[in-house]
Amino acid sequence: MPVTVMALVSINEDAVEDLGIYMRATQPLLKSVGAVIRQRFAINDVVVGKQDAKSVLVVDYPDRAAVDAVFQSPEYQAVRENRDRAFPFYQISIIESADVPEAAGANSVAAGEDTA
């Protein structure tokens, strides 16, 4: 079953060499398991909370085994220190679409409809 991964990251602009080492190691790993970076987003503004991440990447994997193959591989383990220097914030999560229960009138209010 396909798996979607969300990466929340911030890049350390003073660690360009570490970033390059990390990218050169991980790009072939992603390709080898059939993972595809589907979307990239820049976080421009935080409305509530603190901004740790500056970017969001959405990556599609063919299955959970492919995710594990990347992150548990010896090649990935070898660049963890580079990753830690290149990304002051780095969070990888598996995500899935979830139905949100409709609260009384919440969708109408969010859509700007008059519920009174």
C-alpha atoms as a PDB file:
ATOM      1  CA  MET A   1       0.000   0.000   0.000  1.00  0.00           C
ATOM      2  CA  PRO A   2       1.444   3.425  -0.919  1.00  0.00           C
ATOM      3  CA  VAL A   3       2.743   5.575   1.930  1.00  0.00           C
ATOM      4  CA  THR A   4       3.043   9.364   2.077  1.00  0.00           C
ATOM      5  CA  VAL A   5       5.766  10.975   4.152  1.00  0.00           C
ATOM      6  CA  MET A   6       5.866  14.600   5.255  1.00  0.00           C
ATOM      7  CA  ALA A   7       9.254  16.120   5.993  1.00  0.00           C
ATOM      8  CA  LEU A   8       9.372  19.341   8.010  1.00  0.00           C
ATOM      9  CA  VAL A   9      12.857  20.826   7.771  1.00  0.00           C
ATOM     10  CA  SER A  10      14.986  23.912   8.236  1.00  0.00           C
ATOM     11  CA  ILE A  11      18.304  24.161   6.427  1.00  0.00           C
ATOM     12  CA  ASN A  12      21.438  25.476   8.111  1.00  0.00           C
ATOM     13  CA  GLU A  13      22.857  27.817   5.472  1.00  0.00           C
ATOM     14  CA  ASP A  14      26.277  27.590   7.144  1.00  0.00           C
ATOM     15  CA  ALA A  15      26.411  23.813   6.554  1.00  0.00           C
ATOM     16  CA  VAL A  16      26.352  23.718   2.751  1.00  0.00           C
ATOM     17  CA  GLU A  17      28.956  20.949   2.576  1.00  0.00           C
ATOM     18  CA  ASP A  18      26.998  18.745   4.991  1.00  0.00           C
ATOM     19  CA  LEU A  19      23.812  19.390   3.029  1.00  0.00           C
ATOM     20  CA  GLY A  20      25.548  18.348  -0.191  1.00  0.00           C
ATOM     21  CA  ILE A  21      26.857  15.143   1.371  1.00  0.00           C
ATOM     22  CA  TYR A  22      23.397  14.341   2.722  1.00  0.00           C
ATOM     23  CA  MET A  23      21.649  15.030  -0.606  1.00  0.00           C
ATOM     24  CA  ARG A  24      24.178  12.999  -2.618  1.00  0.00           C
ATOM     25  CA  ALA A  25      23.555  10.046  -0.300  1.00  0.00           C
ATOM     26  CA  THR A  26      19.765  10.258  -0.030  1.00  0.00           C
ATOM     27  CA  GLN A  27      18.721  11.021  -3.615  1.00  0.00           C
ATOM     28  CA  PRO A  28      19.914   7.617  -4.922  1.00  0.00           C
ATOM     29  CA  LEU A  29      18.269   5.919  -1.925  1.00  0.00           C
ATOM     30  CA  LEU A  30      14.911   7.500  -2.737  1.00  0.00           C
ATOM     31  CA  LYS A  31      15.247   6.540  -6.378  1.00  0.00           C
ATOM     32  CA  SER A  32      16.242   2.956  -5.544  1.00  0.00           C
ATOM     33  CA  VAL A  33      12.993   2.346  -3.603  1.00  0.00           C
ATOM     34  CA  GLY A  34      10.750   4.202  -6.050  1.00  0.00           C
ATOM     35  CA  ALA A  35      10.077   7.198  -3.801  1.00  0.00           C
ATOM     36  CA  VAL A  36       9.014  10.444  -5.487  1.00  0.00           C
ATOM     37  CA  ILE A  37       9.068  13.952  -4.035  1.00  0.00           C
ATOM     38  CA  ARG A  38       5.529  15.037  -4.879  1.00  0.00           C
ATOM     39  CA  GLN A  39       5.471  18.590  -3.508  1.00  0.00           C
ATOM     40  CA  ARG A  40       7.697  21.153  -1.839  1.00  0.00           C
ATOM     41  CA  PHE A  41       6.421  24.092   0.142  1.00  0.00           C
ATOM     42  CA  ALA A  42       8.114  27.063   1.786  1.00  0.00           C
ATOM     43  CA  ILE A  43       6.644  28.091   5.128  1.00  0.00           C
ATOM     44  CA  ASN A  44       6.256  31.833   4.728  1.00  0.00           C
ATOM     45  CA  ASP A  45       4.392  32.766   7.874  1.00  0.00           C
ATOM     46  CA  VAL A  46       3.259  31.102  11.072  1.00  0.00           C
ATOM     47  CA  VAL A  47      -0.126  32.261  12.317  1.00  0.00           C
ATOM     48  CA  VAL A  48      -0.002  30.460  15.683  1.00  0.00           C
ATOM     49  CA  GLY A  49       2.947  28.743  17.354  1.00  0.00           C
ATOM     50  CA  LYS A  50       6.670  28.869  16.806  1.00  0.00           C
ATOM     51  CA  GLN A  51       8.304  28.276  13.444  1.00  0.00           C
ATOM     52  CA  ASP A  52      10.865  25.505  13.630  1.00  0.00           C
ATOM     53  CA  ALA A  53      10.502  24.284  10.058  1.00  0.00           C
ATOM     54  CA  LYS A  54      11.086  26.479   7.018  1.00  0.00           C
ATOM     55  CA  SER A  55      10.099  23.899   4.378  1.00  0.00           C
ATOM     56  CA  VAL A  56       7.675  21.033   3.892  1.00  0.00           C
ATOM     57  CA  LEU A  57       8.271  18.159   1.490  1.00  0.00           C
ATOM     58  CA  VAL A  58       5.682  15.540   0.630  1.00  0.00           C
ATOM     59  CA  VAL A  59       7.216  12.274  -0.558  1.00  0.00           C
ATOM     60  CA  ASP A  60       5.355   9.262  -1.923  1.00  0.00           C
ATOM     61  CA  TYR A  61       6.781   5.806  -1.251  1.00  0.00           C
ATOM     62  CA  PRO A  62       5.465   2.559  -2.737  1.00  0.00           C
ATOM     63  CA  ASP A  63       4.997   1.062   0.751  1.00  0.00           C
ATOM     64  CA  ARG A  64       6.181   1.205   4.370  1.00  0.00           C
ATOM     65  CA  ALA A  65       8.991  -1.235   3.631  1.00  0.00           C
ATOM     66  CA  ALA A  66      10.440   1.315   1.186  1.00  0.00           C
ATOM     67  CA  VAL A  67      10.398   4.019   3.880  1.00  0.00           C
ATOM     68  CA  ASP A  68      12.168   1.707   6.301  1.00  0.00           C
ATOM     69  CA  ALA A  69      14.664   0.651   3.611  1.00  0.00           C
ATOM     70  CA  VAL A  70      15.748   4.280   3.175  1.00  0.00           C
ATOM     71  CA  PHE A  71      15.959   5.367   6.811  1.00  0.00           C
ATOM     72  CA  GLN A  72      17.461   2.109   8.112  1.00  0.00           C
ATOM     73  CA  SER A  73      19.978   1.664   5.288  1.00  0.00           C
ATOM     74  CA  PRO A  74      23.722   1.755   6.037  1.00  0.00           C
ATOM     75  CA  GLU A  75      24.042   4.599   3.496  1.00  0.00           C
ATOM     76  CA  TYR A  76      21.512   6.712   5.408  1.00  0.00           C
ATOM     77  CA  GLN A  77      23.038   5.880   8.778  1.00  0.00           C
ATOM     78  CA  ALA A  78      26.432   6.991   7.448  1.00  0.00           C
ATOM     79  CA  VAL A  79      25.180  10.561   6.823  1.00  0.00           C
ATOM     80  CA  ARG A  80      23.206  11.119  10.035  1.00  0.00           C
ATOM     81  CA  GLU A  81      25.841  13.464  11.472  1.00  0.00           C
ATOM     82  CA  ASN A  82      25.823  15.460   8.229  1.00  0.00           C
ATOM     83  CA  ARG A  83      22.015  15.554   8.407  1.00  0.00           C
ATOM     84  CA  ASP A  84      22.104  16.840  11.975  1.00  0.00           C
ATOM     85  CA  ARG A  85      24.461  19.678  11.005  1.00  0.00           C
ATOM     86  CA  ALA A  86      22.622  20.502   7.758  1.00  0.00           C
ATOM     87  CA  PHE A  87      19.142  20.579   9.309  1.00  0.00           C
ATOM     88  CA  PRO A  88      18.660  22.303  12.680  1.00  0.00           C
ATOM     89  CA  PHE A  89      15.058  21.090  12.479  1.00  0.00           C
ATOM     90  CA  TYR A  90      14.266  17.744  10.828  1.00  0.00           C
ATOM     91  CA  GLN A  91      11.051  15.821  11.373  1.00  0.00           C
ATOM     92  CA  ILE A  92       9.806  12.947   9.218  1.00  0.00           C
ATOM     93  CA  SER A  93       6.231  11.718   9.645  1.00  0.00           C
ATOM     94  CA  ILE A  94       4.034   9.231   7.851  1.00  0.00           C
ATOM     95  CA  ILE A  95       0.745  10.900   7.006  1.00  0.00           C
ATOM     96  CA  GLU A  96      -2.575   9.754   5.644  1.00  0.00           C
ATOM     97  CA  SER A  97      -5.793  11.394   4.645  1.00  0.00           C
ATOM     98  CA  ALA A  98      -8.286  11.379   7.484  1.00  0.00           C
ATOM     99  CA  ASP A  99     -11.939  12.280   7.514  1.00  0.00           C
ATOM    100  CA  VAL A 100     -12.610  15.093   9.937  1.00  0.00           C
ATOM    101  CA  PRO A 101     -15.915  14.767  11.789  1.00  0.00           C
ATOM    102  CA  GLU A 102     -18.182  17.671  11.006  1.00  0.00           C
ATOM    103  CA  ALA A 103     -18.759  19.756  14.110  1.00  0.00           C
ATOM    104  CA  ALA A 104     -22.101  21.521  14.260  1.00  0.00           C
ATOM    105  CA  GLY A 105     -21.781  24.276  11.700  1.00  0.00           C
ATOM    106  CA  ALA A 106     -17.968  24.275  11.700  1.00  0.00           C
ATOM    107  CA  ASN A 107     -17.665  23.691   7.960  1.00  0.00           C
ATOM    108  CA  SER A 108     -20.249  26.360   7.221  1.00  0.00           C
ATOM    109  CA  VAL A 109     -18.443  28.899   9.391  1.00  0.00           C
ATOM    110  CA  ALA A 110     -15.083  28.030   7.850  1.00  0.00           C
ATOM    111  CA  ALA A 111     -16.588  28.532   4.400  1.00  0.00           C
ATOM    112  CA  GLY A 112     -17.879  31.956   5.424  1.00  0.00           C
ATOM    113  CA  GLU A 113     -21.532  30.978   5.324  1.00  0.00           C
ATOM    114  CA  ASP A 114     -24.016  32.679   7.621  1.00  0.00           C
ATOM    115  CA  THR A 115     -25.285  30.060  10.078  1.00  0.00           C
ATOM    116  CA  ALA A 116     -27.553  32.372  12.098  1.00  0.00           C
END
